[in-house]
Amino acid sequence: MLVRDLAAGKLFGHPIHVMLVHFPAALLPVAAALEALRDFAHVSLVLDIRILLWPGVAMGWIAVVFGLWDLIRLPKASPEMMHALIHGGINATALSGFTWALYLSPTSAESTLRVVIELACTALILIGNKFGGDLIFRYAIGHLHTEIESKRYH
């Protein structure tokens, strides 16, 4: 049962991609907001923002792997596939930006560039997640209702 679930991109009957995306969707925008406060409002922070960025980026790339696994099982040339490609493309671009921001120093002249990248990537995440939400709520992708999935994919 567990092997069958994992082959279907699920863990205990729940879609793994959907389970993982909440971490980067929460951690990365919070990191961007805190860095913007520190740099632009000159708020002193005790927290090193990379404590939020590293797990957000790591979980994001793991979510990408499971998202790709879900993508290859979608019907080709369908509205679902188009939404999934847009969702994945936008969010992978945002995740790449956050990954790159990890390597920019938070205490140098690169700091402002890092904050701008993170804020732009946060906006991308919001847009990309709109398409991900459409997949779940409009197209019933990732729902636990096996009758919906079996009609759609088999």
C-alpha atoms as a PDB file:
ATOM      1  CA  MET A   1       0.000   0.000   0.000  1.00  0.00           C
ATOM      2  CA  LEU A   2       2.774   2.473   0.935  1.00  0.00           C
ATOM      3  CA  VAL A   3       4.730   1.642  -2.229  1.00  0.00           C
ATOM      4  CA  ARG A   4       1.604   2.143  -4.357  1.00  0.00           C
ATOM      5  CA  ASP A   5       0.942   5.459  -2.618  1.00  0.00           C
ATOM      6  CA  LEU A   6       4.509   6.699  -3.190  1.00  0.00           C
ATOM      7  CA  ALA A   7       4.362   5.645  -6.850  1.00  0.00           C
ATOM      8  CA  ALA A   8       1.231   7.783  -7.143  1.00  0.00           C
ATOM      9  CA  GLY A   9       2.944  10.739  -5.423  1.00  0.00           C
ATOM     10  CA  LYS A  10       1.009  10.215  -2.204  1.00  0.00           C
ATOM     11  CA  LEU A  11       1.788   9.453   1.406  1.00  0.00           C
ATOM     12  CA  PHE A  12      -0.940   7.726   3.417  1.00  0.00           C
ATOM     13  CA  GLY A  13      -3.400   8.665   0.674  1.00  0.00           C
ATOM     14  CA  HIS A  14      -2.512  12.375   0.665  1.00  0.00           C
ATOM     15  CA  PRO A  15      -0.751  14.115  -2.263  1.00  0.00           C
ATOM     16  CA  ILE A  16       2.869  14.747  -1.213  1.00  0.00           C
ATOM     17  CA  HIS A  17       3.294  17.846  -3.387  1.00  0.00           C
ATOM     18  CA  VAL A  18       0.287  19.503  -1.764  1.00  0.00           C
ATOM     19  CA  MET A  19       1.593  18.529   1.685  1.00  0.00           C
ATOM     20  CA  LEU A  20       5.024  20.091   1.060  1.00  0.00           C
ATOM     21  CA  VAL A  21       4.172  23.373  -0.668  1.00  0.00           C
ATOM     22  CA  HIS A  22       2.878  25.007   2.497  1.00  0.00           C
ATOM     23  CA  PHE A  23       6.374  25.224   3.971  1.00  0.00           C
ATOM     24  CA  PRO A  24       8.022  27.298   1.218  1.00  0.00           C
ATOM     25  CA  ALA A  25       4.779  29.232   0.658  1.00  0.00           C
ATOM     26  CA  ALA A  26       4.974  30.376   4.289  1.00  0.00           C
ATOM     27  CA  LEU A  27       8.690  30.525   5.085  1.00  0.00           C
ATOM     28  CA  LEU A  28       9.948  32.327   1.984  1.00  0.00           C
ATOM     29  CA  PRO A  29       7.545  35.315   2.015  1.00  0.00           C
ATOM     30  CA  VAL A  30       8.067  35.748   5.767  1.00  0.00           C
ATOM     31  CA  ALA A  31      11.835  35.776   5.222  1.00  0.00           C
ATOM     32  CA  ALA A  32      11.429  38.362   2.454  1.00  0.00           C
ATOM     33  CA  ALA A  33       9.192  40.556   4.622  1.00  0.00           C
ATOM     34  CA  LEU A  34      11.596  40.401   7.575  1.00  0.00           C
ATOM     35  CA  GLU A  35      14.566  41.252   5.364  1.00  0.00           C
ATOM     36  CA  ALA A  36      12.663  44.174   3.868  1.00  0.00           C
ATOM     37  CA  LEU A  37      11.878  45.432   7.378  1.00  0.00           C
ATOM     38  CA  ARG A  38      15.511  45.114   8.350  1.00  0.00           C
ATOM     39  CA  ASP A  39      16.892  46.824   5.242  1.00  0.00           C
ATOM     40  CA  PHE A  40      14.287  49.461   4.423  1.00  0.00           C
ATOM     41  CA  ALA A  41      12.736  50.246   7.818  1.00  0.00           C
ATOM     42  CA  HIS A  42      15.999  49.683   9.705  1.00  0.00           C
ATOM     43  CA  VAL A  43      14.335  47.319  12.162  1.00  0.00           C
ATOM     44  CA  SER A  44      16.856  45.394  14.221  1.00  0.00           C
ATOM     45  CA  LEU A  45      16.309  41.643  13.997  1.00  0.00           C
ATOM     46  CA  VAL A  46      17.870  39.064  16.253  1.00  0.00           C
ATOM     47  CA  LEU A  47      16.934  36.316  13.805  1.00  0.00           C
ATOM     48  CA  ASP A  48      19.236  35.401  10.914  1.00  0.00           C
ATOM     49  CA  ILE A  49      16.838  35.264   7.971  1.00  0.00           C
ATOM     50  CA  ARG A  50      18.680  32.286   6.487  1.00  0.00           C
ATOM     51  CA  ILE A  51      17.092  30.204   9.252  1.00  0.00           C
ATOM     52  CA  LEU A  52      13.838  30.671   7.323  1.00  0.00           C
ATOM     53  CA  LEU A  53      15.314  30.619   3.814  1.00  0.00           C
ATOM     54  CA  TRP A  54      17.201  27.316   3.991  1.00  0.00           C
ATOM     55  CA  PRO A  55      14.241  25.096   4.984  1.00  0.00           C
ATOM     56  CA  GLY A  56      11.901  27.026   2.682  1.00  0.00           C
ATOM     57  CA  VAL A  57      14.211  26.533  -0.297  1.00  0.00           C
ATOM     58  CA  ALA A  58      14.939  22.890   0.569  1.00  0.00           C
ATOM     59  CA  MET A  59      11.264  21.983   0.985  1.00  0.00           C
ATOM     60  CA  GLY A  60      10.482  23.942  -2.173  1.00  0.00           C
ATOM     61  CA  TRP A  61      12.857  21.865  -4.309  1.00  0.00           C
ATOM     62  CA  ILE A  62      11.491  18.648  -2.812  1.00  0.00           C
ATOM     63  CA  ALA A  63       7.979  19.888  -3.654  1.00  0.00           C
ATOM     64  CA  VAL A  64       9.164  20.560  -7.223  1.00  0.00           C
ATOM     65  CA  VAL A  65      10.210  16.912  -7.573  1.00  0.00           C
ATOM     66  CA  PHE A  66       6.790  15.688  -6.473  1.00  0.00           C
ATOM     67  CA  GLY A  67       5.083  18.347  -8.593  1.00  0.00           C
ATOM     68  CA  LEU A  68       6.945  17.039 -11.645  1.00  0.00           C
ATOM     69  CA  TRP A  69       5.845  13.532 -10.708  1.00  0.00           C
ATOM     70  CA  ASP A  70       2.238  14.743 -10.635  1.00  0.00           C
ATOM     71  CA  LEU A  71       2.722  16.665 -13.894  1.00  0.00           C
ATOM     72  CA  ILE A  72       3.759  13.658 -15.958  1.00  0.00           C
ATOM     73  CA  ARG A  73       0.526  11.891 -15.027  1.00  0.00           C
ATOM     74  CA  LEU A  74      -1.746  14.707 -16.263  1.00  0.00           C
ATOM     75  CA  PRO A  75      -3.597  14.362 -19.571  1.00  0.00           C
ATOM     76  CA  LYS A  76      -1.513  15.892 -22.351  1.00  0.00           C
ATOM     77  CA  ALA A  77      -2.818  19.011 -24.157  1.00  0.00           C
ATOM     78  CA  SER A  78      -5.438  19.639 -21.470  1.00  0.00           C
ATOM     79  CA  PRO A  79      -6.339  22.785 -19.504  1.00  0.00           C
ATOM     80  CA  GLU A  80      -5.002  21.011 -16.413  1.00  0.00           C
ATOM     81  CA  MET A  81      -1.618  20.496 -18.090  1.00  0.00           C
ATOM     82  CA  MET A  82      -1.453  24.169 -19.137  1.00  0.00           C
ATOM     83  CA  HIS A  83      -2.289  25.348 -15.610  1.00  0.00           C
ATOM     84  CA  ALA A  84       0.249  22.927 -14.140  1.00  0.00           C
ATOM     85  CA  LEU A  85       2.993  24.127 -16.497  1.00  0.00           C
ATOM     86  CA  ILE A  86       2.279  27.771 -15.681  1.00  0.00           C
ATOM     87  CA  HIS A  87       2.095  27.023 -11.938  1.00  0.00           C
ATOM     88  CA  GLY A  88       5.312  25.015 -11.971  1.00  0.00           C
ATOM     89  CA  GLY A  89       7.178  27.452 -14.205  1.00  0.00           C
ATOM     90  CA  ILE A  90       6.322  30.493 -12.124  1.00  0.00           C
ATOM     91  CA  ASN A  91       7.014  28.825  -8.787  1.00  0.00           C
ATOM     92  CA  ALA A  92      10.261  27.197  -9.978  1.00  0.00           C
ATOM     93  CA  THR A  93      11.409  30.636 -11.164  1.00  0.00           C
ATOM     94  CA  ALA A  94      10.550  32.118  -7.762  1.00  0.00           C
ATOM     95  CA  LEU A  95      12.291  29.257  -5.979  1.00  0.00           C
ATOM     96  CA  SER A  96      15.377  29.765  -8.150  1.00  0.00           C
ATOM     97  CA  GLY A  97      15.413  33.426  -7.120  1.00  0.00           C
ATOM     98  CA  PHE A  98      15.196  32.539  -3.430  1.00  0.00           C
ATOM     99  CA  THR A  99      17.932  29.934  -3.910  1.00  0.00           C
ATOM    100  CA  TRP A 100      20.162  32.547  -5.514  1.00  0.00           C
ATOM    101  CA  ALA A 101      19.336  35.037  -2.739  1.00  0.00           C
ATOM    102  CA  LEU A 102      20.758  32.585  -0.206  1.00  0.00           C
ATOM    103  CA  TYR A 103      24.190  33.144  -1.713  1.00  0.00           C
ATOM    104  CA  LEU A 104      24.023  36.935  -1.599  1.00  0.00           C
ATOM    105  CA  SER A 105      25.433  38.418   1.577  1.00  0.00           C
ATOM    106  CA  PRO A 106      22.763  39.877   3.888  1.00  0.00           C
ATOM    107  CA  THR A 107      25.197  42.454   5.291  1.00  0.00           C
ATOM    108  CA  SER A 108      26.843  43.968   2.224  1.00  0.00           C
ATOM    109  CA  ALA A 109      25.878  46.099  -0.753  1.00  0.00           C
ATOM    110  CA  GLU A 110      24.195  42.965  -2.133  1.00  0.00           C
ATOM    111  CA  SER A 111      21.652  43.176   0.662  1.00  0.00           C
ATOM    112  CA  THR A 112      19.296  45.522  -1.202  1.00  0.00           C
ATOM    113  CA  LEU A 113      19.484  43.360  -4.327  1.00  0.00           C
ATOM    114  CA  ARG A 114      18.711  40.317  -2.200  1.00  0.00           C
ATOM    115  CA  VAL A 115      15.612  41.960  -0.702  1.00  0.00           C
ATOM    116  CA  VAL A 116      14.351  43.114  -4.095  1.00  0.00           C
ATOM    117  CA  ILE A 117      14.809  39.587  -5.495  1.00  0.00           C
ATOM    118  CA  GLU A 118      13.003  38.051  -2.511  1.00  0.00           C
ATOM    119  CA  LEU A 119      10.081  40.488  -2.723  1.00  0.00           C
ATOM    120  CA  ALA A 120       9.733  39.914  -6.481  1.00  0.00           C
ATOM    121  CA  CYS A 121       9.868  36.156  -5.928  1.00  0.00           C
ATOM    122  CA  THR A 122       7.215  36.461  -3.220  1.00  0.00           C
ATOM    123  CA  ALA A 123       4.927  38.154  -5.753  1.00  0.00           C
ATOM    124  CA  LEU A 124       5.676  35.306  -8.185  1.00  0.00           C
ATOM    125  CA  ILE A 125       4.782  32.722  -5.535  1.00  0.00           C
ATOM    126  CA  LEU A 126       1.402  34.392  -5.026  1.00  0.00           C
ATOM    127  CA  ILE A 127       0.719  34.352  -8.764  1.00  0.00           C
ATOM    128  CA  GLY A 128       1.975  30.787  -9.208  1.00  0.00           C
ATOM    129  CA  ASN A 129      -0.068  29.560  -6.263  1.00  0.00           C
ATOM    130  CA  LYS A 130      -3.194  30.998  -7.865  1.00  0.00           C
ATOM    131  CA  PHE A 131      -2.647  28.539 -10.716  1.00  0.00           C
ATOM    132  CA  GLY A 132      -1.920  25.751  -8.225  1.00  0.00           C
ATOM    133  CA  GLY A 133      -5.170  26.569  -6.432  1.00  0.00           C
ATOM    134  CA  ASP A 134      -7.009  26.355  -9.757  1.00  0.00           C
ATOM    135  CA  LEU A 135      -5.632  22.843 -10.210  1.00  0.00           C
ATOM    136  CA  ILE A 136      -7.043  21.791  -6.867  1.00  0.00           C
ATOM    137  CA  PHE A 137     -10.312  23.696  -6.756  1.00  0.00           C
ATOM    138  CA  ARG A 138     -11.289  23.993 -10.413  1.00  0.00           C
ATOM    139  CA  TYR A 139      -9.869  20.778 -11.851  1.00  0.00           C
ATOM    140  CA  ALA A 140      -9.927  18.568  -8.733  1.00  0.00           C
ATOM    141  CA  ILE A 141      -6.260  17.638  -9.160  1.00  0.00           C
ATOM    142  CA  GLY A 142      -4.817  16.203  -5.964  1.00  0.00           C
ATOM    143  CA  HIS A 143      -8.169  15.615  -4.309  1.00  0.00           C
ATOM    144  CA  LEU A 144      -8.523  12.446  -2.342  1.00  0.00           C
ATOM    145  CA  HIS A 145     -11.619  11.397  -4.249  1.00  0.00           C
ATOM    146  CA  THR A 146     -10.371   8.373  -6.137  1.00  0.00           C
ATOM    147  CA  GLU A 147     -13.436   8.304  -8.368  1.00  0.00           C
ATOM    148  CA  ILE A 148     -12.519  11.759  -9.730  1.00  0.00           C
ATOM    149  CA  GLU A 149      -8.899  10.729 -10.308  1.00  0.00           C
ATOM    150  CA  SER A 150      -9.790   7.409 -11.870  1.00  0.00           C
ATOM    151  CA  LYS A 151     -12.158   9.092 -14.365  1.00  0.00           C
ATOM    152  CA  ARG A 152      -9.639  11.781 -15.195  1.00  0.00           C
ATOM    153  CA  TYR A 153      -6.420   9.775 -15.529  1.00  0.00           C
ATOM    154  CA  HIS A 154      -7.339   6.227 -16.426  1.00  0.00           C
END
